[in-house]
Amino acid sequence: MRAVLQRVTQASVTVDGAVIGQIEAGLMILVCAMPEDDEKTAEALALKISKLRLFKDDAGKMNLSLAQTGGAALVVSQFTLAADTSRGTRPGFSYAAKPDAAKALYLYFADQMRSLGIPVETGEFGADMSVALVNDGPVTICLDTDRP
């Protein structure tokens, strides 16, 4: 699975003019399932993200995890993280998981984050979404479960 994490002071996702997910301080998580991913992959990614020390402690150092701060996560599926740009100028998306499998893993990932005590809001899989956020720092981290 691939994920882009952005530390935010606020974030929201809107579909058809209605806000369907919204958080204050925490992480905006864009996530993409790849064909070889399974529930164990989603579990490992959720655990890693919950423990990453991306938030400032009292000394101003990034020493606290999302779980330690009580922050929330806004999880949005984004198949374009699987873009293949190696040829030409039009990205290919054959590296993304098929929609049914991707949706199941996306929802499972969100549930895993919840099971770790993280309040989670989500986007709508497959919808045309508008995402708004205020990146705090800015702090942006890219993760890929295929890379150590």
N, C-alpha and C. Protein backbone atom coordinates (compact mmCIF):
# COMPACT_ATOMS: atom_id res chain seq x y z
N MET A 1 0.86 -1.18 0.00
CA MET A 1 0.00 0.00 0.00
C MET A 1 0.89 1.23 0.00
N ARG A 2 0.38 2.27 -0.58
CA ARG A 2 1.08 3.55 -0.57
C ARG A 2 0.22 4.55 0.19
N ALA A 3 0.90 5.44 0.88
CA ALA A 3 0.18 6.47 1.63
C ALA A 3 0.99 7.75 1.63
N VAL A 4 0.28 8.86 1.59
CA VAL A 4 0.87 10.17 1.78
C VAL A 4 0.21 10.74 3.03
N LEU A 5 1.05 11.09 4.01
CA LEU A 5 0.57 11.64 5.27
C LEU A 5 0.89 13.12 5.30
N GLN A 6 -0.07 13.92 5.69
CA GLN A 6 0.16 15.34 5.88
C GLN A 6 -0.32 15.70 7.27
N ARG A 7 0.60 16.26 8.07
CA ARG A 7 0.20 16.74 9.39
C ARG A 7 -0.62 18.00 9.17
N VAL A 8 -1.81 18.03 9.76
CA VAL A 8 -2.73 19.13 9.50
C VAL A 8 -3.26 19.74 10.79
N THR A 9 -3.66 21.00 10.68
CA THR A 9 -4.40 21.63 11.78
C THR A 9 -5.90 21.47 11.54
N GLN A 10 -6.26 21.22 10.27
CA GLN A 10 -7.65 20.90 9.91
C GLN A 10 -7.67 20.34 8.51
N ALA A 11 -8.67 19.51 8.24
CA ALA A 11 -8.83 18.93 6.91
C ALA A 11 -10.29 18.50 6.74
N SER A 12 -10.74 18.53 5.49
CA SER A 12 -12.11 18.10 5.20
C SER A 12 -12.19 17.55 3.79
N VAL A 13 -13.20 16.74 3.57
CA VAL A 13 -13.48 16.21 2.24
C VAL A 13 -14.96 16.46 1.93
N THR A 14 -15.20 16.94 0.71
CA THR A 14 -16.55 17.31 0.28
C THR A 14 -16.92 16.53 -0.97
N VAL A 15 -18.15 16.04 -1.00
CA VAL A 15 -18.70 15.35 -2.18
C VAL A 15 -20.04 16.00 -2.51
N ASP A 16 -20.21 16.40 -3.75
CA ASP A 16 -21.45 17.03 -4.20
C ASP A 16 -21.87 18.20 -3.31
N GLY A 17 -20.90 19.00 -2.88
CA GLY A 17 -21.18 20.18 -2.09
C GLY A 17 -21.40 19.95 -0.61
N ALA A 18 -21.37 18.70 -0.16
CA ALA A 18 -21.59 18.39 1.25
C ALA A 18 -20.30 17.86 1.88
N VAL A 19 -19.96 18.38 3.04
CA VAL A 19 -18.80 17.88 3.78
C VAL A 19 -19.16 16.51 4.34
N ILE A 20 -18.37 15.50 3.97
CA ILE A 20 -18.66 14.14 4.45
C ILE A 20 -17.65 13.65 5.48
N GLY A 21 -16.53 14.35 5.60
CA GLY A 21 -15.51 14.00 6.59
C GLY A 21 -14.73 15.23 6.95
N GLN A 22 -14.42 15.37 8.24
CA GLN A 22 -13.74 16.59 8.69
C GLN A 22 -13.01 16.30 9.99
N ILE A 23 -11.77 16.81 10.10
CA ILE A 23 -11.01 16.67 11.35
C ILE A 23 -10.36 18.01 11.70
N GLU A 24 -9.97 18.11 12.94
CA GLU A 24 -9.12 19.21 13.38
C GLU A 24 -7.68 18.68 13.33
N ALA A 25 -6.88 18.90 14.34
CA ALA A 25 -5.48 18.49 14.32
C ALA A 25 -5.32 16.98 14.15
N GLY A 26 -4.38 16.60 13.30
CA GLY A 26 -4.11 15.19 13.07
C GLY A 26 -3.41 14.96 11.76
N LEU A 27 -3.82 13.88 11.09
CA LEU A 27 -3.21 13.51 9.82
C LEU A 27 -4.24 13.37 8.71
N MET A 28 -3.93 13.97 7.58
CA MET A 28 -4.64 13.71 6.33
C MET A 28 -3.89 12.54 5.71
N ILE A 29 -4.59 11.42 5.45
CA ILE A 29 -3.94 10.23 4.91
C ILE A 29 -4.57 9.88 3.57
N LEU A 30 -3.79 10.04 2.50
CA LEU A 30 -4.20 9.58 1.19
C LEU A 30 -3.64 8.17 1.05
N VAL A 31 -4.47 7.21 0.68
CA VAL A 31 -4.04 5.81 0.68
C VAL A 31 -4.43 5.13 -0.63
N CYS A 32 -3.53 4.26 -1.11
CA CYS A 32 -3.74 3.53 -2.35
C CYS A 32 -3.36 2.07 -2.15
N ALA A 33 -4.28 1.19 -2.47
CA ALA A 33 -4.00 -0.25 -2.42
C ALA A 33 -3.40 -0.69 -3.75
N MET A 34 -2.41 -1.57 -3.65
CA MET A 34 -1.74 -2.12 -4.81
C MET A 34 -2.21 -3.58 -4.97
N PRO A 35 -2.04 -4.18 -6.15
CA PRO A 35 -2.58 -5.53 -6.39
C PRO A 35 -2.12 -6.60 -5.40
N GLU A 36 -0.89 -6.52 -4.91
CA GLU A 36 -0.38 -7.56 -4.02
C GLU A 36 -0.74 -7.33 -2.55
N ASP A 37 -1.43 -6.25 -2.24
CA ASP A 37 -1.76 -5.93 -0.86
C ASP A 37 -2.88 -6.80 -0.32
N ASP A 38 -2.86 -7.00 1.00
CA ASP A 38 -3.91 -7.76 1.67
C ASP A 38 -4.17 -7.13 3.04
N GLU A 39 -4.98 -7.79 3.85
CA GLU A 39 -5.33 -7.23 5.15
C GLU A 39 -4.10 -7.06 6.04
N LYS A 40 -3.14 -7.99 5.95
CA LYS A 40 -1.92 -7.85 6.76
C LYS A 40 -1.15 -6.59 6.37
N THR A 41 -1.15 -6.26 5.09
CA THR A 41 -0.50 -5.04 4.62
C THR A 41 -1.17 -3.82 5.23
N ALA A 42 -2.51 -3.80 5.20
CA ALA A 42 -3.27 -2.68 5.76
C ALA A 42 -3.04 -2.56 7.27
N GLU A 43 -2.99 -3.69 7.96
CA GLU A 43 -2.75 -3.69 9.41
C GLU A 43 -1.37 -3.10 9.72
N ALA A 44 -0.36 -3.54 8.97
CA ALA A 44 1.01 -3.05 9.20
C ALA A 44 1.11 -1.56 8.92
N LEU A 45 0.47 -1.09 7.87
CA LEU A 45 0.51 0.33 7.54
C LEU A 45 -0.18 1.16 8.62
N ALA A 46 -1.34 0.71 9.07
CA ALA A 46 -2.06 1.43 10.13
C ALA A 46 -1.22 1.51 11.40
N LEU A 47 -0.60 0.40 11.77
CA LEU A 47 0.23 0.38 12.98
C LEU A 47 1.42 1.34 12.84
N LYS A 48 2.07 1.31 11.69
CA LYS A 48 3.22 2.19 11.44
C LYS A 48 2.79 3.66 11.56
N ILE A 49 1.71 4.01 10.89
CA ILE A 49 1.24 5.40 10.91
C ILE A 49 0.87 5.83 12.32
N SER A 50 0.21 4.96 13.07
CA SER A 50 -0.22 5.34 14.42
C SER A 50 0.96 5.62 15.34
N LYS A 51 2.12 5.03 15.04
CA LYS A 51 3.30 5.17 15.90
C LYS A 51 4.33 6.18 15.40
N LEU A 52 4.18 6.65 14.15
CA LEU A 52 5.16 7.61 13.63
C LEU A 52 5.16 8.88 14.47
N ARG A 53 6.34 9.31 14.84
CA ARG A 53 6.47 10.49 15.70
C ARG A 53 6.57 11.73 14.80
N LEU A 54 5.42 12.31 14.50
CA LEU A 54 5.32 13.44 13.58
C LEU A 54 4.84 14.72 14.26
N PHE A 55 4.55 14.64 15.55
CA PHE A 55 3.96 15.78 16.25
C PHE A 55 4.92 16.30 17.32
N LYS A 56 4.86 17.59 17.53
CA LYS A 56 5.79 18.26 18.46
C LYS A 56 5.46 17.97 19.92
N ASP A 57 6.54 17.78 20.70
CA ASP A 57 6.40 17.67 22.14
C ASP A 57 6.54 19.07 22.75
N ASP A 58 6.62 19.15 24.07
CA ASP A 58 6.71 20.45 24.74
C ASP A 58 7.98 21.21 24.38
N ALA A 59 9.02 20.48 23.95
CA ALA A 59 10.29 21.12 23.56
C ALA A 59 10.30 21.51 22.09
N GLY A 60 9.21 21.24 21.38
CA GLY A 60 9.13 21.59 19.97
C GLY A 60 9.74 20.57 19.03
N LYS A 61 10.10 19.40 19.55
CA LYS A 61 10.68 18.34 18.71
C LYS A 61 9.60 17.36 18.28
N MET A 62 9.76 16.79 17.08
CA MET A 62 8.79 15.80 16.59
C MET A 62 9.04 14.48 17.31
N ASN A 63 8.42 14.35 18.48
CA ASN A 63 8.60 13.17 19.32
C ASN A 63 7.30 12.45 19.66
N LEU A 64 6.17 12.98 19.23
CA LEU A 64 4.89 12.40 19.60
C LEU A 64 4.18 11.80 18.39
N SER A 65 3.49 10.69 18.65
CA SER A 65 2.73 10.03 17.59
C SER A 65 1.30 10.56 17.56
N LEU A 66 0.58 10.20 16.53
CA LEU A 66 -0.83 10.58 16.42
C LEU A 66 -1.60 10.02 17.61
N ALA A 67 -1.32 8.79 17.97
CA ALA A 67 -2.00 8.17 19.11
C ALA A 67 -1.72 8.94 20.40
N GLN A 68 -0.50 9.40 20.58
CA GLN A 68 -0.13 10.12 21.81
C GLN A 68 -0.77 11.50 21.89
N THR A 69 -1.04 12.12 20.76
CA THR A 69 -1.60 13.49 20.78
C THR A 69 -3.12 13.50 20.85
N GLY A 70 -3.75 12.36 20.60
CA GLY A 70 -5.21 12.33 20.57
C GLY A 70 -5.77 12.92 19.29
N GLY A 71 -4.90 13.09 18.28
CA GLY A 71 -5.34 13.64 17.00
C GLY A 71 -6.17 12.64 16.22
N ALA A 72 -6.77 13.12 15.15
CA ALA A 72 -7.63 12.31 14.30
C ALA A 72 -6.99 12.08 12.94
N ALA A 73 -7.59 11.21 12.17
CA ALA A 73 -7.13 10.94 10.80
C ALA A 73 -8.30 11.11 9.83
N LEU A 74 -8.02 11.77 8.72
CA LEU A 74 -8.96 11.83 7.60
C LEU A 74 -8.36 10.96 6.52
N VAL A 75 -9.00 9.82 6.25
CA VAL A 75 -8.48 8.83 5.32
C VAL A 75 -9.25 8.92 4.01
N VAL A 76 -8.50 9.14 2.93
CA VAL A 76 -9.10 9.30 1.60
C VAL A 76 -8.40 8.35 0.63
N SER A 77 -9.18 7.58 -0.09
CA SER A 77 -8.62 6.68 -1.10
C SER A 77 -8.16 7.50 -2.31
N GLN A 78 -6.96 7.19 -2.79
CA GLN A 78 -6.43 7.92 -3.94
C GLN A 78 -5.61 6.99 -4.83
N PHE A 79 -6.28 6.41 -5.85
CA PHE A 79 -5.61 5.46 -6.72
C PHE A 79 -4.48 6.09 -7.53
N THR A 80 -4.48 7.41 -7.66
CA THR A 80 -3.43 8.05 -8.46
C THR A 80 -2.05 7.95 -7.80
N LEU A 81 -1.99 7.51 -6.55
CA LEU A 81 -0.68 7.26 -5.92
C LEU A 81 0.04 6.10 -6.60
N ALA A 82 -0.69 5.31 -7.39
CA ALA A 82 -0.10 4.19 -8.11
C ALA A 82 0.29 4.58 -9.54
N ALA A 83 0.33 5.85 -9.83
CA ALA A 83 0.61 6.32 -11.19
C ALA A 83 1.95 5.81 -11.71
N ASP A 84 1.92 5.32 -12.93
CA ASP A 84 3.15 4.94 -13.64
C ASP A 84 3.41 6.05 -14.66
N THR A 85 4.49 6.78 -14.44
CA THR A 85 4.83 7.90 -15.32
C THR A 85 6.11 7.62 -16.10
N SER A 86 6.46 6.34 -16.23
CA SER A 86 7.73 5.98 -16.85
C SER A 86 7.74 6.16 -18.36
N ARG A 87 6.56 6.19 -18.97
CA ARG A 87 6.50 6.36 -20.43
C ARG A 87 5.54 7.48 -20.79
N GLY A 88 5.95 8.31 -21.68
CA GLY A 88 5.07 9.35 -22.20
C GLY A 88 4.68 10.37 -21.15
N THR A 89 3.57 11.05 -21.43
CA THR A 89 3.12 12.12 -20.54
C THR A 89 1.76 11.85 -19.92
N ARG A 90 1.16 10.70 -20.24
CA ARG A 90 -0.12 10.35 -19.64
C ARG A 90 0.12 9.21 -18.64
N PRO A 91 -0.15 9.44 -17.36
CA PRO A 91 0.10 8.39 -16.36
C PRO A 91 -0.79 7.17 -16.60
N GLY A 92 -0.25 6.02 -16.29
CA GLY A 92 -1.02 4.77 -16.31
C GLY A 92 -1.30 4.36 -14.87
N PHE A 93 -2.38 3.63 -14.66
CA PHE A 93 -2.76 3.27 -13.30
C PHE A 93 -2.93 1.76 -13.12
N SER A 94 -2.25 0.99 -13.95
CA SER A 94 -2.36 -0.47 -13.86
C SER A 94 -1.72 -1.02 -12.60
N TYR A 95 -0.92 -0.22 -11.89
CA TYR A 95 -0.31 -0.69 -10.64
C TYR A 95 -1.24 -0.58 -9.45
N ALA A 96 -2.40 0.04 -9.61
CA ALA A 96 -3.38 0.14 -8.53
C ALA A 96 -4.19 -1.16 -8.46
N ALA A 97 -4.64 -1.50 -7.26
CA ALA A 97 -5.50 -2.67 -7.09
C ALA A 97 -6.82 -2.45 -7.82
N LYS A 98 -7.46 -3.54 -8.21
CA LYS A 98 -8.77 -3.46 -8.85
C LYS A 98 -9.77 -2.81 -7.88
N PRO A 99 -10.76 -2.09 -8.38
CA PRO A 99 -11.66 -1.31 -7.51
C PRO A 99 -12.28 -2.07 -6.33
N ASP A 100 -12.79 -3.28 -6.55
CA ASP A 100 -13.43 -4.01 -5.44
C ASP A 100 -12.44 -4.32 -4.33
N ALA A 101 -11.26 -4.80 -4.71
CA ALA A 101 -10.23 -5.11 -3.71
C ALA A 101 -9.72 -3.84 -3.06
N ALA A 102 -9.54 -2.79 -3.84
CA ALA A 102 -9.04 -1.53 -3.31
C ALA A 102 -10.01 -0.94 -2.28
N LYS A 103 -11.29 -0.98 -2.59
CA LYS A 103 -12.29 -0.44 -1.67
C LYS A 103 -12.28 -1.22 -0.35
N ALA A 104 -12.25 -2.53 -0.45
CA ALA A 104 -12.23 -3.37 0.76
C ALA A 104 -11.01 -3.07 1.62
N LEU A 105 -9.84 -2.93 1.01
CA LEU A 105 -8.62 -2.64 1.76
C LEU A 105 -8.62 -1.23 2.34
N TYR A 106 -9.15 -0.28 1.60
CA TYR A 106 -9.28 1.09 2.08
C TYR A 106 -10.15 1.14 3.34
N LEU A 107 -11.30 0.49 3.29
CA LEU A 107 -12.20 0.47 4.44
C LEU A 107 -11.58 -0.30 5.61
N TYR A 108 -10.88 -1.39 5.29
CA TYR A 108 -10.21 -2.18 6.33
C TYR A 108 -9.11 -1.36 6.99
N PHE A 109 -8.35 -0.63 6.19
CA PHE A 109 -7.30 0.24 6.73
C PHE A 109 -7.90 1.27 7.69
N ALA A 110 -8.98 1.92 7.30
CA ALA A 110 -9.64 2.90 8.17
C ALA A 110 -10.09 2.24 9.47
N ASP A 111 -10.66 1.04 9.37
CA ASP A 111 -11.08 0.32 10.57
C ASP A 111 -9.89 -0.04 11.46
N GLN A 112 -8.77 -0.39 10.85
CA GLN A 112 -7.57 -0.69 11.63
C GLN A 112 -7.08 0.53 12.39
N MET A 113 -7.12 1.69 11.74
CA MET A 113 -6.75 2.93 12.44
C MET A 113 -7.67 3.15 13.64
N ARG A 114 -8.96 2.92 13.45
CA ARG A 114 -9.92 3.08 14.55
C ARG A 114 -9.60 2.10 15.68
N SER A 115 -9.26 0.86 15.31
CA SER A 115 -8.97 -0.16 16.33
C SER A 115 -7.74 0.20 17.16
N LEU A 116 -6.91 1.10 16.64
CA LEU A 116 -5.72 1.56 17.36
C LEU A 116 -6.02 2.81 18.19
N GLY A 117 -7.29 3.17 18.29
CA GLY A 117 -7.70 4.29 19.12
C GLY A 117 -7.67 5.64 18.43
N ILE A 118 -7.52 5.65 17.12
CA ILE A 118 -7.46 6.90 16.36
C ILE A 118 -8.87 7.24 15.87
N PRO A 119 -9.38 8.43 16.17
CA PRO A 119 -10.65 8.84 15.57
C PRO A 119 -10.44 9.01 14.05
N VAL A 120 -11.31 8.42 13.26
CA VAL A 120 -11.14 8.40 11.80
C VAL A 120 -12.40 8.92 11.11
N GLU A 121 -12.17 9.81 10.16
CA GLU A 121 -13.19 10.24 9.21
C GLU A 121 -12.69 9.76 7.84
N THR A 122 -13.60 9.58 6.89
CA THR A 122 -13.19 9.09 5.57
C THR A 122 -13.82 9.90 4.46
N GLY A 123 -13.25 9.70 3.28
CA GLY A 123 -13.86 10.19 2.06
C GLY A 123 -14.84 9.14 1.57
N GLU A 124 -15.22 9.25 0.30
CA GLU A 124 -16.13 8.28 -0.31
C GLU A 124 -15.41 7.61 -1.46
N PHE A 125 -15.18 6.32 -1.34
CA PHE A 125 -14.43 5.59 -2.35
C PHE A 125 -15.05 5.78 -3.73
N GLY A 126 -14.23 6.14 -4.70
CA GLY A 126 -14.67 6.27 -6.08
C GLY A 126 -15.39 7.56 -6.42
N ALA A 127 -15.63 8.40 -5.43
CA ALA A 127 -16.35 9.65 -5.68
C ALA A 127 -15.38 10.73 -6.15
N ASP A 128 -15.94 11.73 -6.81
CA ASP A 128 -15.18 12.93 -7.17
C ASP A 128 -15.20 13.82 -5.94
N MET A 129 -14.07 13.89 -5.25
CA MET A 129 -14.01 14.59 -3.97
C MET A 129 -13.20 15.88 -4.07
N SER A 130 -13.55 16.83 -3.22
CA SER A 130 -12.75 18.02 -3.02
C SER A 130 -12.16 17.91 -1.62
N VAL A 131 -10.83 18.00 -1.54
CA VAL A 131 -10.15 17.87 -0.26
C VAL A 131 -9.53 19.22 0.09
N ALA A 132 -9.78 19.66 1.31
CA ALA A 132 -9.19 20.91 1.79
C ALA A 132 -8.41 20.60 3.05
N LEU A 133 -7.24 21.24 3.19
CA LEU A 133 -6.45 21.01 4.39
C LEU A 133 -5.52 22.17 4.64
N VAL A 134 -5.11 22.28 5.89
CA VAL A 134 -4.07 23.22 6.28
C VAL A 134 -2.92 22.36 6.78
N ASN A 135 -1.86 22.28 5.96
CA ASN A 135 -0.69 21.47 6.30
C ASN A 135 0.08 22.18 7.39
N ASP A 136 0.34 21.47 8.46
CA ASP A 136 1.02 22.03 9.63
C ASP A 136 2.51 21.72 9.55
N GLY A 137 3.32 22.72 9.39
CA GLY A 137 4.78 22.54 9.36
C GLY A 137 5.44 23.23 8.19
N PRO A 138 5.28 22.80 7.00
CA PRO A 138 4.53 21.63 6.54
C PRO A 138 5.28 20.33 6.81
N VAL A 139 4.51 19.31 7.16
CA VAL A 139 5.06 17.97 7.33
C VAL A 139 4.29 17.05 6.39
N THR A 140 5.00 16.46 5.44
CA THR A 140 4.42 15.52 4.49
C THR A 140 5.35 14.33 4.37
N ILE A 141 4.79 13.12 4.56
CA ILE A 141 5.58 11.89 4.55
C ILE A 141 4.94 10.92 3.55
N CYS A 142 5.78 10.31 2.72
CA CYS A 142 5.32 9.28 1.78
C CYS A 142 5.75 7.92 2.31
N LEU A 143 4.81 6.98 2.32
CA LEU A 143 5.09 5.62 2.76
C LEU A 143 4.71 4.63 1.67
N ASP A 144 5.49 3.58 1.56
CA ASP A 144 5.20 2.49 0.63
C ASP A 144 5.57 1.20 1.35
N THR A 145 4.60 0.32 1.53
CA THR A 145 4.85 -0.91 2.28
C THR A 145 5.80 -1.84 1.55
N ASP A 146 6.05 -1.60 0.27
CA ASP A 146 7.01 -2.41 -0.48
C ASP A 146 8.44 -1.95 -0.26
N ARG A 147 8.61 -0.79 0.33
CA ARG A 147 9.96 -0.25 0.57
C ARG A 147 10.18 -0.16 2.07
N PRO A 148 11.32 -0.62 2.54
CA PRO A 148 11.60 -0.58 3.98
C PRO A 148 11.72 0.86 4.50
